[in-house]
Amino acid sequence: MKKLLLALAVLGTVGAASNAQAFAYARSQDNVTNFLLDVTPGISFIGPASVNSFATACLPSTNCMSTGGPGSTASTPAMIFSGIAPTPYTDNHLSATSFALADAQIVSQQLSGQAFTHATNVAEGKLLENNRANAVAGNSSATVLQSTFAVGGTGGTVNFSFDAAPMITAWLTAAAIGSQAEGILAVNFNIVNSSGAVVFNWAPDGVVSPSIFGGTESADAFTLNTTLTALPANPGPLTYNPGNCAIGAPPPAGSPATRCFNATTNTLAAGVYTLNLAMSEAVNLQLVQVPEPGTLFLLGIGLGAAGIARRRRTQV
């Protein structure tokens, strides 16, 4: 009997610990600005850039919402929520209800005559479920700019320089095994020749290294390609927020190397090329709740009663 009471006490303690509101939360955001393309003489861009800014938000038991698409520079934020609407580009983890939010904006474009290119994206979501044993959600946002340029007979190079402010938060509370809160960042630049071959590829990873293909780096302040995942064994809150890149005034004329990120292609032979600039953010959430305290307690009583009954039968 003492063992039974001890077991019930332990179960009651575990149940009390699980009484916290279970939630899964993640936010992934990036702000790329002061972006300049500098080209050597003999290189000319052909026509305006093609743009595609889009966002998708999803919650369990609801339809996904998608906004933006080809030709869009400022998609309407994709949001699914009940109660108070979440605010894009703001930490909404205190929301009292589940929500999904995604947004992608191309604020300015150098190739459209503005001083520099500026793009910002965010994906954020929270699962806070009282009556669901398992809930899954995924949100994403992306910006793609594509330009065509021609290189003259003597060849030439393209220089990329920009600043960035990336951030990821991932957090689980009172979540059971099988739960996760994940935030993902990705930024990539590539150049493709008229035959479809990639001649330059750069995915900033925080290290000035030979990993760049078809060019050289002179500045790579921190990674813009990373994932942060909170799991029950390491619930967080986990944060990636390097925050040491100068975001502010437009780049000083003629000095792109002063930016936090800088790379230059190898010499490109004469021909026509396509330049692709892509950045994306995503969050993936899965919430499996710890059983309610009452469920655990009743389970303990049931197990204890079964043990007593078995013991009595043995004695008879």
C-alpha atoms as a PDB file:
ATOM      1  CA  MET A   1       0.000   0.000   0.000  1.00  0.00           C
ATOM      2  CA  LYS A   2       2.849   2.388   0.789  1.00  0.00           C
ATOM      3  CA  LYS A   3       4.358   1.698  -2.625  1.00  0.00           C
ATOM      4  CA  LEU A   4       1.030   2.459  -4.254  1.00  0.00           C
ATOM      5  CA  LEU A   5       0.705   5.773  -2.429  1.00  0.00           C
ATOM      6  CA  LEU A   6       4.274   6.686  -3.365  1.00  0.00           C
ATOM      7  CA  ALA A   7       3.583   5.885  -7.011  1.00  0.00           C
ATOM      8  CA  LEU A   8       0.430   7.992  -6.977  1.00  0.00           C
ATOM      9  CA  ALA A   9       2.331  10.878  -5.389  1.00  0.00           C
ATOM     10  CA  VAL A  10       4.977  10.711  -8.111  1.00  0.00           C
ATOM     11  CA  LEU A  11       2.305  10.635 -10.805  1.00  0.00           C
ATOM     12  CA  GLY A  12       0.613  13.612  -9.197  1.00  0.00           C
ATOM     13  CA  THR A  13       3.908  15.516  -9.204  1.00  0.00           C
ATOM     14  CA  VAL A  14       4.528  14.710 -12.880  1.00  0.00           C
ATOM     15  CA  GLY A  15       0.975  15.781 -13.661  1.00  0.00           C
ATOM     16  CA  ALA A  16       1.441  19.079 -11.870  1.00  0.00           C
ATOM     17  CA  ALA A  17       4.630  19.704 -13.848  1.00  0.00           C
ATOM     18  CA  SER A  18       2.703  19.159 -17.096  1.00  0.00           C
ATOM     19  CA  ASN A  19       0.079  21.721 -16.078  1.00  0.00           C
ATOM     20  CA  ALA A  20       1.952  24.512 -17.921  1.00  0.00           C
ATOM     21  CA  GLN A  21       0.366  25.612 -21.177  1.00  0.00           C
ATOM     22  CA  ALA A  22       1.993  23.671 -24.004  1.00  0.00           C
ATOM     23  CA  PHE A  23       3.141  25.684 -27.009  1.00  0.00           C
ATOM     24  CA  ALA A  24       5.561  25.599 -29.923  1.00  0.00           C
ATOM     25  CA  TYR A  25       6.830  28.928 -31.277  1.00  0.00           C
ATOM     26  CA  ALA A  26       9.339  29.943 -33.939  1.00  0.00           C
ATOM     27  CA  ARG A  27      10.245  33.089 -35.837  1.00  0.00           C
ATOM     28  CA  SER A  28      12.684  33.485 -38.730  1.00  0.00           C
ATOM     29  CA  GLN A  29      13.434  36.924 -40.136  1.00  0.00           C
ATOM     30  CA  ASP A  30      16.014  38.587 -42.369  1.00  0.00           C
ATOM     31  CA  ASN A  31      16.614  42.151 -43.486  1.00  0.00           C
ATOM     32  CA  VAL A  32      19.010  42.529 -46.431  1.00  0.00           C
ATOM     33  CA  THR A  33      19.731  46.155 -47.241  1.00  0.00           C
ATOM     34  CA  ASN A  34      22.322  48.534 -48.690  1.00  0.00           C
ATOM     35  CA  PHE A  35      22.696  45.934 -51.445  1.00  0.00           C
ATOM     36  CA  LEU A  36      24.776  47.124 -54.417  1.00  0.00           C
ATOM     37  CA  LEU A  37      25.857  45.496 -57.641  1.00  0.00           C
ATOM     38  CA  ASP A  38      29.043  47.044 -59.057  1.00  0.00           C
ATOM     39  CA  VAL A  39      30.125  45.944 -62.511  1.00  0.00           C
ATOM     40  CA  THR A  40      33.230  46.623 -64.558  1.00  0.00           C
ATOM     41  CA  PRO A  41      33.002  48.555 -67.860  1.00  0.00           C
ATOM     42  CA  GLY A  42      31.584  46.454 -70.675  1.00  0.00           C
ATOM     43  CA  ILE A  43      28.801  44.896 -68.564  1.00  0.00           C
ATOM     44  CA  SER A  44      25.234  46.111 -69.082  1.00  0.00           C
ATOM     45  CA  PHE A  45      21.908  44.953 -67.668  1.00  0.00           C
ATOM     46  CA  ILE A  46      19.153  44.110 -70.110  1.00  0.00           C
ATOM     47  CA  GLY A  47      15.702  45.379 -69.115  1.00  0.00           C
ATOM     48  CA  PRO A  48      14.214  45.559 -65.601  1.00  0.00           C
ATOM     49  CA  ALA A  49      14.653  42.860 -62.983  1.00  0.00           C
ATOM     50  CA  SER A  50      12.048  40.123 -62.658  1.00  0.00           C
ATOM     51  CA  VAL A  51      10.694  40.013 -59.108  1.00  0.00           C
ATOM     52  CA  ASN A  52       8.759  37.413 -57.117  1.00  0.00           C
ATOM     53  CA  SER A  53       7.852  38.104 -53.507  1.00  0.00           C
ATOM     54  CA  PHE A  54       5.496  35.606 -51.862  1.00  0.00           C
ATOM     55  CA  ALA A  55       4.352  34.304 -48.461  1.00  0.00           C
ATOM     56  CA  THR A  56       2.400  31.298 -47.167  1.00  0.00           C
ATOM     57  CA  ALA A  57       0.884  30.751 -43.706  1.00  0.00           C
ATOM     58  CA  CYS A  58      -0.708  27.514 -42.456  1.00  0.00           C
ATOM     59  CA  LEU A  59      -2.376  26.264 -39.270  1.00  0.00           C
ATOM     60  CA  PRO A  60      -3.855  22.840 -38.432  1.00  0.00           C
ATOM     61  CA  SER A  61      -7.524  22.332 -39.402  1.00  0.00           C
ATOM     62  CA  THR A  62      -7.515  25.490 -41.560  1.00  0.00           C
ATOM     63  CA  ASN A  63      -6.737  26.286 -45.169  1.00  0.00           C
ATOM     64  CA  CYS A  64      -3.335  27.808 -45.905  1.00  0.00           C
ATOM     65  CA  MET A  65      -3.198  31.448 -46.963  1.00  0.00           C
ATOM     66  CA  SER A  66      -0.804  32.550 -49.729  1.00  0.00           C
ATOM     67  CA  THR A  67      -0.070  36.068 -50.968  1.00  0.00           C
ATOM     68  CA  GLY A  68       2.177  37.685 -53.554  1.00  0.00           C
ATOM     69  CA  GLY A  69       3.776  35.875 -56.463  1.00  0.00           C
ATOM     70  CA  PRO A  70       5.504  36.700 -59.788  1.00  0.00           C
ATOM     71  CA  GLY A  71       5.698  40.439 -60.331  1.00  0.00           C
ATOM     72  CA  SER A  72       4.966  41.255 -56.694  1.00  0.00           C
ATOM     73  CA  THR A  73       7.369  43.392 -54.673  1.00  0.00           C
ATOM     74  CA  ALA A  74       5.207  43.896 -51.588  1.00  0.00           C
ATOM     75  CA  SER A  75       2.851  41.038 -50.866  1.00  0.00           C
ATOM     76  CA  THR A  76       0.094  41.510 -48.322  1.00  0.00           C
ATOM     77  CA  PRO A  77       1.106  39.642 -45.143  1.00  0.00           C
ATOM     78  CA  ALA A  78      -0.286  36.100 -45.053  1.00  0.00           C
ATOM     79  CA  MET A  79      -1.878  35.662 -41.626  1.00  0.00           C
ATOM     80  CA  ILE A  80      -4.145  33.094 -39.968  1.00  0.00           C
ATOM     81  CA  PHE A  81      -5.192  33.837 -36.402  1.00  0.00           C
ATOM     82  CA  SER A  82      -8.045  34.182 -33.930  1.00  0.00           C
ATOM     83  CA  GLY A  83      -8.298  37.022 -31.484  1.00  0.00           C
ATOM     84  CA  ILE A  84      -5.728  39.789 -31.787  1.00  0.00           C
ATOM     85  CA  ALA A  85      -3.860  39.889 -35.116  1.00  0.00           C
ATOM     86  CA  PRO A  86      -0.082  39.344 -34.917  1.00  0.00           C
ATOM     87  CA  THR A  87       2.127  42.213 -36.092  1.00  0.00           C
ATOM     88  CA  PRO A  88       4.654  41.440 -38.859  1.00  0.00           C
ATOM     89  CA  TYR A  89       8.346  41.931 -37.964  1.00  0.00           C
ATOM     90  CA  THR A  90       7.503  42.041 -34.234  1.00  0.00           C
ATOM     91  CA  ASP A  91       7.943  39.319 -31.624  1.00  0.00           C
ATOM     92  CA  ASN A  92       4.459  37.845 -31.145  1.00  0.00           C
ATOM     93  CA  HIS A  93       5.334  34.925 -28.858  1.00  0.00           C
ATOM     94  CA  LEU A  94       3.050  36.254 -26.101  1.00  0.00           C
ATOM     95  CA  SER A  95      -0.032  35.682 -28.266  1.00  0.00           C
ATOM     96  CA  ALA A  96      -2.780  33.915 -26.299  1.00  0.00           C
ATOM     97  CA  THR A  97      -3.920  31.996 -29.384  1.00  0.00           C
ATOM     98  CA  SER A  98      -2.323  29.994 -32.170  1.00  0.00           C
ATOM     99  CA  PHE A  99      -1.343  31.967 -35.258  1.00  0.00           C
ATOM    100  CA  ALA A 100       0.608  31.762 -38.520  1.00  0.00           C
ATOM    101  CA  LEU A 101       2.241  34.757 -40.200  1.00  0.00           C
ATOM    102  CA  ALA A 102       4.492  35.270 -43.222  1.00  0.00           C
ATOM    103  CA  ASP A 103       5.511  38.348 -45.188  1.00  0.00           C
ATOM    104  CA  ALA A 104       7.970  39.239 -47.945  1.00  0.00           C
ATOM    105  CA  GLN A 105       8.814  42.750 -49.124  1.00  0.00           C
ATOM    106  CA  ILE A 106      11.139  44.188 -51.763  1.00  0.00           C
ATOM    107  CA  VAL A 107      11.428  47.722 -50.432  1.00  0.00           C
ATOM    108  CA  SER A 108      13.738  49.154 -53.105  1.00  0.00           C
ATOM    109  CA  GLN A 109      15.687  48.010 -56.186  1.00  0.00           C
ATOM    110  CA  GLN A 110      18.990  49.344 -57.479  1.00  0.00           C
ATOM    111  CA  LEU A 111      18.234  48.098 -61.003  1.00  0.00           C
ATOM    112  CA  SER A 112      15.031  50.143 -61.020  1.00  0.00           C
ATOM    113  CA  GLY A 113      16.991  53.345 -60.468  1.00  0.00           C
ATOM    114  CA  GLN A 114      16.928  53.463 -56.664  1.00  0.00           C
ATOM    115  CA  ALA A 115      20.073  53.945 -54.590  1.00  0.00           C
ATOM    116  CA  PHE A 116      20.293  50.314 -53.440  1.00  0.00           C
ATOM    117  CA  THR A 117      18.265  47.123 -53.095  1.00  0.00           C
ATOM    118  CA  HIS A 118      16.456  46.379 -49.834  1.00  0.00           C
ATOM    119  CA  ALA A 119      14.414  43.232 -49.097  1.00  0.00           C
ATOM    120  CA  THR A 120      12.959  41.957 -45.844  1.00  0.00           C
ATOM    121  CA  ASN A 121      11.112  38.721 -45.034  1.00  0.00           C
ATOM    122  CA  VAL A 122       9.611  37.060 -41.971  1.00  0.00           C
ATOM    123  CA  ALA A 123       7.937  33.750 -41.094  1.00  0.00           C
ATOM    124  CA  GLU A 124       6.476  33.287 -37.604  1.00  0.00           C
ATOM    125  CA  GLY A 125       4.051  30.934 -35.925  1.00  0.00           C
ATOM    126  CA  LYS A 126       2.761  29.614 -32.628  1.00  0.00           C
ATOM    127  CA  LEU A 127       0.833  26.451 -31.785  1.00  0.00           C
ATOM    128  CA  LEU A 128      -1.002  26.661 -28.512  1.00  0.00           C
ATOM    129  CA  GLU A 129      -3.469  23.797 -28.356  1.00  0.00           C
ATOM    130  CA  ASN A 130      -5.617  22.779 -25.380  1.00  0.00           C
ATOM    131  CA  ASN A 131      -7.586  20.035 -27.064  1.00  0.00           C
ATOM    132  CA  ARG A 132      -5.240  18.586 -29.664  1.00  0.00           C
ATOM    133  CA  ALA A 133      -2.825  15.761 -29.031  1.00  0.00           C
ATOM    134  CA  ASN A 134      -0.789  16.588 -32.112  1.00  0.00           C
ATOM    135  CA  ALA A 135      -0.620  19.743 -34.232  1.00  0.00           C
ATOM    136  CA  VAL A 136       1.628  20.640 -37.178  1.00  0.00           C
ATOM    137  CA  ALA A 137       2.115  23.964 -38.973  1.00  0.00           C
ATOM    138  CA  GLY A 138       4.587  25.432 -41.467  1.00  0.00           C
ATOM    139  CA  ASN A 139       5.005  29.013 -42.709  1.00  0.00           C
ATOM    140  CA  SER A 140       7.383  30.460 -45.305  1.00  0.00           C
ATOM    141  CA  SER A 141       8.293  33.674 -47.086  1.00  0.00           C
ATOM    142  CA  ALA A 142      10.642  34.288 -50.005  1.00  0.00           C
ATOM    143  CA  THR A 143      11.997  36.976 -52.263  1.00  0.00           C
ATOM    144  CA  VAL A 144      13.535  36.296 -55.664  1.00  0.00           C
ATOM    145  CA  LEU A 145      15.075  38.874 -57.995  1.00  0.00           C
ATOM    146  CA  GLN A 146      16.281  37.830 -61.446  1.00  0.00           C
ATOM    147  CA  SER A 147      18.191  39.986 -63.927  1.00  0.00           C
ATOM    148  CA  THR A 148      19.805  39.435 -67.309  1.00  0.00           C
ATOM    149  CA  PHE A 149      23.068  41.119 -68.250  1.00  0.00           C
ATOM    150  CA  ALA A 150      25.534  41.091 -71.124  1.00  0.00           C
ATOM    151  CA  VAL A 151      29.311  41.004 -70.890  1.00  0.00           C
ATOM    152  CA  GLY A 152      31.351  42.627 -73.662  1.00  0.00           C
ATOM    153  CA  GLY A 153      34.192  41.026 -75.596  1.00  0.00           C
ATOM    154  CA  THR A 154      36.930  41.778 -73.060  1.00  0.00           C
ATOM    155  CA  GLY A 155      35.080  40.147 -70.168  1.00  0.00           C
ATOM    156  CA  GLY A 156      34.248  41.639 -66.791  1.00  0.00           C
ATOM    157  CA  THR A 157      33.340  41.052 -63.133  1.00  0.00           C
ATOM    158  CA  VAL A 158      30.354  41.655 -60.871  1.00  0.00           C
ATOM    159  CA  ASN A 159      30.756  42.740 -57.240  1.00  0.00           C
ATOM    160  CA  PHE A 160      28.093  42.121 -54.556  1.00  0.00           C
ATOM    161  CA  SER A 161      28.017  44.099 -51.311  1.00  0.00           C
ATOM    162  CA  PHE A 162      25.309  44.430 -48.671  1.00  0.00           C
ATOM    163  CA  ASP A 163      24.363  44.488 -44.986  1.00  0.00           C
ATOM    164  CA  ALA A 164      21.991  42.099 -43.227  1.00  0.00           C
ATOM    165  CA  ALA A 165      20.183  41.595 -39.926  1.00  0.00           C
ATOM    166  CA  PRO A 166      19.067  37.949 -39.564  1.00  0.00           C
ATOM    167  CA  MET A 167      17.250  36.493 -36.557  1.00  0.00           C
ATOM    168  CA  ILE A 168      15.768  33.140 -35.515  1.00  0.00           C
ATOM    169  CA  THR A 169      13.909  32.205 -32.321  1.00  0.00           C
ATOM    170  CA  ALA A 170      12.693  28.673 -31.509  1.00  0.00           C
ATOM    171  CA  TRP A 171      10.880  27.697 -28.305  1.00  0.00           C
ATOM    172  CA  LEU A 172       8.918  24.809 -26.810  1.00  0.00           C
ATOM    173  CA  THR A 173       7.040  24.735 -23.498  1.00  0.00           C
ATOM    174  CA  ALA A 174       5.481  21.659 -21.821  1.00  0.00           C
ATOM    175  CA  ALA A 175       5.841  19.715 -25.064  1.00  0.00           C
ATOM    176  CA  ALA A 176       6.171  15.940 -25.292  1.00  0.00           C
ATOM    177  CA  ILE A 177       8.578  13.861 -27.365  1.00  0.00           C
ATOM    178  CA  GLY A 178       7.818  14.346 -31.055  1.00  0.00           C
ATOM    179  CA  SER A 179       7.430  18.110 -30.727  1.00  0.00           C
ATOM    180  CA  GLN A 180       9.693  20.628 -32.431  1.00  0.00           C
ATOM    181  CA  ALA A 181       9.928  24.338 -33.202  1.00  0.00           C
ATOM    182  CA  GLU A 182      12.231  25.115 -36.115  1.00  0.00           C
ATOM    183  CA  GLY A 183      13.333  28.321 -37.853  1.00  0.00           C
ATOM    184  CA  ILE A 184      15.243  28.374 -41.145  1.00  0.00           C
ATOM    185  CA  LEU A 185      17.191  31.138 -42.938  1.00  0.00           C
ATOM    186  CA  ALA A 186      18.560  30.988 -46.497  1.00  0.00           C
ATOM    187  CA  VAL A 187      20.269  33.539 -48.775  1.00  0.00           C
ATOM    188  CA  ASN A 188      21.872  32.667 -52.104  1.00  0.00           C
ATOM    189  CA  PHE A 189      23.295  34.455 -55.143  1.00  0.00           C
ATOM    190  CA  ASN A 190      24.139  32.752 -58.416  1.00  0.00           C
ATOM    191  CA  ILE A 191      24.921  33.556 -62.036  1.00  0.00           C
ATOM    192  CA  VAL A 192      24.004  31.219 -64.888  1.00  0.00           C
ATOM    193  CA  ASN A 193      25.396  31.467 -68.434  1.00  0.00           C
ATOM    194  CA  SER A 194      23.398  31.136 -71.646  1.00  0.00           C
ATOM    195  CA  SER A 195      24.046  27.371 -71.689  1.00  0.00           C
ATOM    196  CA  GLY A 196      22.427  26.957 -68.267  1.00  0.00           C
ATOM    197  CA  ALA A 197      25.686  26.319 -66.408  1.00  0.00           C
ATOM    198  CA  VAL A 198      26.200  27.950 -63.000  1.00  0.00           C
ATOM    199  CA  VAL A 199      29.358  30.077 -63.176  1.00  0.00           C
ATOM    200  CA  PHE A 200      29.037  31.766 -59.787  1.00  0.00           C
ATOM    201  CA  ASN A 201      27.374  30.691 -56.523  1.00  0.00           C
ATOM    202  CA  TRP A 202      27.541  32.338 -53.108  1.00  0.00           C
ATOM    203  CA  ALA A 203      25.649  31.365 -49.946  1.00  0.00           C
ATOM    204  CA  PRO A 204      27.121  33.472 -47.103  1.00  0.00           C
ATOM    205  CA  ASP A 205      28.072  31.201 -44.199  1.00  0.00           C
ATOM    206  CA  GLY A 206      29.995  33.489 -41.856  1.00  0.00           C
ATOM    207  CA  VAL A 207      33.446  32.423 -43.042  1.00  0.00           C
ATOM    208  CA  VAL A 208      35.591  34.087 -45.701  1.00  0.00           C
ATOM    209  CA  SER A 209      36.594  30.883 -47.423  1.00  0.00           C
ATOM    210  CA  PRO A 210      37.057  29.131 -50.753  1.00  0.00           C
ATOM    211  CA  SER A 211      33.568  27.595 -50.427  1.00  0.00           C
ATOM    212  CA  ILE A 212      32.288  30.310 -52.759  1.00  0.00           C
ATOM    213  CA  PHE A 213      32.125  29.034 -56.349  1.00  0.00           C
ATOM    214  CA  GLY A 214      33.375  31.131 -59.275  1.00  0.00           C
ATOM    215  CA  GLY A 215      34.555  34.107 -57.236  1.00  0.00           C
ATOM    216  CA  THR A 216      36.191  35.385 -54.052  1.00  0.00           C
ATOM    217  CA  GLU A 217      34.865  36.747 -50.753  1.00  0.00           C
ATOM    218  CA  SER A 218      36.313  39.707 -48.898  1.00  0.00           C
ATOM    219  CA  ALA A 219      33.652  40.009 -46.174  1.00  0.00           C
ATOM    220  CA  ASP A 220      31.255  37.447 -44.689  1.00  0.00           C
ATOM    221  CA  ALA A 221      30.226  38.709 -41.242  1.00  0.00           C
ATOM    222  CA  PHE A 222      27.986  35.802 -40.152  1.00  0.00           C
ATOM    223  CA  THR A 223      25.970  33.006 -41.659  1.00  0.00           C
ATOM    224  CA  LEU A 224      22.755  33.774 -43.536  1.00  0.00           C
ATOM    225  CA  ASN A 225      22.099  30.073 -44.094  1.00  0.00           C
ATOM    226  CA  THR A 226      21.240  28.251 -40.898  1.00  0.00           C
ATOM    227  CA  THR A 227      18.574  26.348 -38.965  1.00  0.00           C
ATOM    228  CA  LEU A 228      17.645  26.498 -35.287  1.00  0.00           C
ATOM    229  CA  THR A 229      15.541  23.684 -33.805  1.00  0.00           C
ATOM    230  CA  ALA A 230      14.043  23.445 -30.309  1.00  0.00           C
ATOM    231  CA  LEU A 231      13.276  19.900 -29.111  1.00  0.00           C
ATOM    232  CA  PRO A 232      11.867  18.609 -25.801  1.00  0.00           C
ATOM    233  CA  ALA A 233      15.407  17.801 -24.620  1.00  0.00           C
ATOM    234  CA  ASN A 234      16.549  21.339 -25.498  1.00  0.00           C
ATOM    235  CA  PRO A 235      13.351  23.443 -25.506  1.00  0.00           C
ATOM    236  CA  GLY A 236      14.890  26.897 -25.468  1.00  0.00           C
ATOM    237  CA  PRO A 237      14.125  29.645 -26.016  1.00  0.00           C
ATOM    238  CA  LEU A 238      16.923  29.316 -28.598  1.00  0.00           C
ATOM    239  CA  THR A 239      18.040  32.432 -30.457  1.00  0.00           C
ATOM    240  CA  TYR A 240      20.263  33.204 -33.425  1.00  0.00           C
ATOM    241  CA  ASN A 241      20.785  36.969 -33.529  1.00  0.00           C
ATOM    242  CA  PRO A 242      24.336  37.971 -34.507  1.00  0.00           C
ATOM    243  CA  GLY A 243      23.300  41.644 -34.580  1.00  0.00           C
ATOM    244  CA  ASN A 244      26.773  43.020 -35.334  1.00  0.00           C
ATOM    245  CA  CYS A 245      26.233  44.268 -38.879  1.00  0.00           C
ATOM    246  CA  ALA A 246      25.861  47.992 -39.555  1.00  0.00           C
ATOM    247  CA  ILE A 247      22.321  48.710 -40.763  1.00  0.00           C
ATOM    248  CA  GLY A 248      21.831  52.374 -41.475  1.00  0.00           C
ATOM    249  CA  ALA A 249      22.613  54.928 -44.149  1.00  0.00           C
ATOM    250  CA  PRO A 250      22.963  53.985 -47.822  1.00  0.00           C
ATOM    251  CA  PRO A 251      26.406  52.703 -48.849  1.00  0.00           C
ATOM    252  CA  PRO A 252      29.061  55.358 -49.333  1.00  0.00           C
ATOM    253  CA  ALA A 253      29.662  55.908 -53.045  1.00  0.00           C
ATOM    254  CA  GLY A 254      32.548  53.908 -54.491  1.00  0.00           C
ATOM    255  CA  SER A 255      33.253  51.905 -51.336  1.00  0.00           C
ATOM    256  CA  PRO A 256      31.229  48.672 -51.448  1.00  0.00           C
ATOM    257  CA  ALA A 257      33.939  46.813 -49.535  1.00  0.00           C
ATOM    258  CA  THR A 258      32.847  48.615 -46.353  1.00  0.00           C
ATOM    259  CA  ARG A 259      29.656  46.525 -46.173  1.00  0.00           C
ATOM    260  CA  CYS A 260      29.354  43.451 -43.943  1.00  0.00           C
ATOM    261  CA  PHE A 261      29.160  41.092 -46.941  1.00  0.00           C
ATOM    262  CA  ASN A 262      31.226  41.384 -50.084  1.00  0.00           C
ATOM    263  CA  ALA A 263      32.096  39.052 -52.962  1.00  0.00           C
ATOM    264  CA  THR A 264      33.322  39.402 -56.536  1.00  0.00           C
ATOM    265  CA  THR A 265      32.957  37.000 -59.435  1.00  0.00           C
ATOM    266  CA  ASN A 266      35.873  35.672 -61.378  1.00  0.00           C
ATOM    267  CA  THR A 267      36.238  37.248 -64.825  1.00  0.00           C
ATOM    268  CA  LEU A 268      33.174  36.412 -66.886  1.00  0.00           C
ATOM    269  CA  ALA A 269      33.672  35.730 -70.575  1.00  0.00           C
ATOM    270  CA  ALA A 270      31.713  37.645 -73.199  1.00  0.00           C
ATOM    271  CA  GLY A 271      28.101  36.519 -73.345  1.00  0.00           C
ATOM    272  CA  VAL A 272      24.657  36.816 -71.789  1.00  0.00           C
ATOM    273  CA  TYR A 273      24.060  35.785 -68.165  1.00  0.00           C
ATOM    274  CA  THR A 274      21.192  35.506 -65.689  1.00  0.00           C
ATOM    275  CA  LEU A 275      21.676  36.746 -62.131  1.00  0.00           C
ATOM    276  CA  ASN A 276      19.489  35.215 -59.389  1.00  0.00           C
ATOM    277  CA  LEU A 277      19.206  36.706 -55.910  1.00  0.00           C
ATOM    278  CA  ALA A 278      17.125  34.658 -53.457  1.00  0.00           C
ATOM    279  CA  MET A 279      16.324  34.870 -49.761  1.00  0.00           C
ATOM    280  CA  SER A 280      13.800  32.791 -47.824  1.00  0.00           C
ATOM    281  CA  GLU A 281      12.617  32.171 -44.288  1.00  0.00           C
ATOM    282  CA  ALA A 282      10.537  29.314 -42.888  1.00  0.00           C
ATOM    283  CA  VAL A 283       9.239  27.964 -39.598  1.00  0.00           C
ATOM    284  CA  ASN A 284       8.092  24.407 -38.951  1.00  0.00           C
ATOM    285  CA  LEU A 285       6.118  23.597 -35.809  1.00  0.00           C
ATOM    286  CA  GLN A 286       4.922  20.326 -34.331  1.00  0.00           C
ATOM    287  CA  LEU A 287       3.291  20.131 -30.922  1.00  0.00           C
ATOM    288  CA  VAL A 288       2.612  16.906 -29.023  1.00  0.00           C
ATOM    289  CA  GLN A 289       1.164  17.682 -25.608  1.00  0.00           C
ATOM    290  CA  VAL A 290       2.176  16.086 -22.318  1.00  0.00           C
ATOM    291  CA  PRO A 291      -0.912  14.273 -20.897  1.00  0.00           C
ATOM    292  CA  GLU A 292      -3.103  16.365 -18.627  1.00  0.00           C
ATOM    293  CA  PRO A 293      -2.572  15.943 -14.824  1.00  0.00           C
ATOM    294  CA  GLY A 294      -5.994  14.335 -14.364  1.00  0.00           C
ATOM    295  CA  THR A 295      -5.202  11.775 -17.037  1.00  0.00           C
ATOM    296  CA  LEU A 296      -1.952  10.829 -15.355  1.00  0.00           C
ATOM    297  CA  PHE A 297      -3.588  10.614 -11.942  1.00  0.00           C
ATOM    298  CA  LEU A 298      -6.424   8.405 -13.179  1.00  0.00           C
ATOM    299  CA  LEU A 299      -3.899   6.256 -14.982  1.00  0.00           C
ATOM    300  CA  GLY A 300      -2.020   5.823 -11.704  1.00  0.00           C
ATOM    301  CA  ILE A 301      -5.200   4.874  -9.832  1.00  0.00           C
ATOM    302  CA  GLY A 302      -6.067   2.361 -12.537  1.00  0.00           C
ATOM    303  CA  LEU A 303      -2.635   0.787 -12.422  1.00  0.00           C
ATOM    304  CA  GLY A 304      -2.691   0.695  -8.619  1.00  0.00           C
ATOM    305  CA  ALA A 305      -6.154  -0.902  -8.512  1.00  0.00           C
ATOM    306  CA  ALA A 306      -5.124  -3.492 -11.046  1.00  0.00           C
ATOM    307  CA  GLY A 307      -2.090  -4.355  -8.919  1.00  0.00           C
ATOM    308  CA  ILE A 308      -4.210  -4.737  -5.745  1.00  0.00           C
ATOM    309  CA  ALA A 309      -6.733  -6.945  -7.511  1.00  0.00           C
ATOM    310  CA  ARG A 310      -3.941  -9.123  -8.881  1.00  0.00           C
ATOM    311  CA  ARG A 311      -2.411  -9.445  -5.387  1.00  0.00           C
ATOM    312  CA  ARG A 312      -5.760 -10.496  -3.850  1.00  0.00           C
ATOM    313  CA  ARG A 313      -6.288 -13.158  -6.506  1.00  0.00           C
ATOM    314  CA  THR A 314      -2.816 -14.496  -5.773  1.00  0.00           C
ATOM    315  CA  GLN A 315      -3.565 -14.699  -2.048  1.00  0.00           C
ATOM    316  CA  VAL A 316      -6.835 -16.588  -2.619  1.00  0.00           C
END
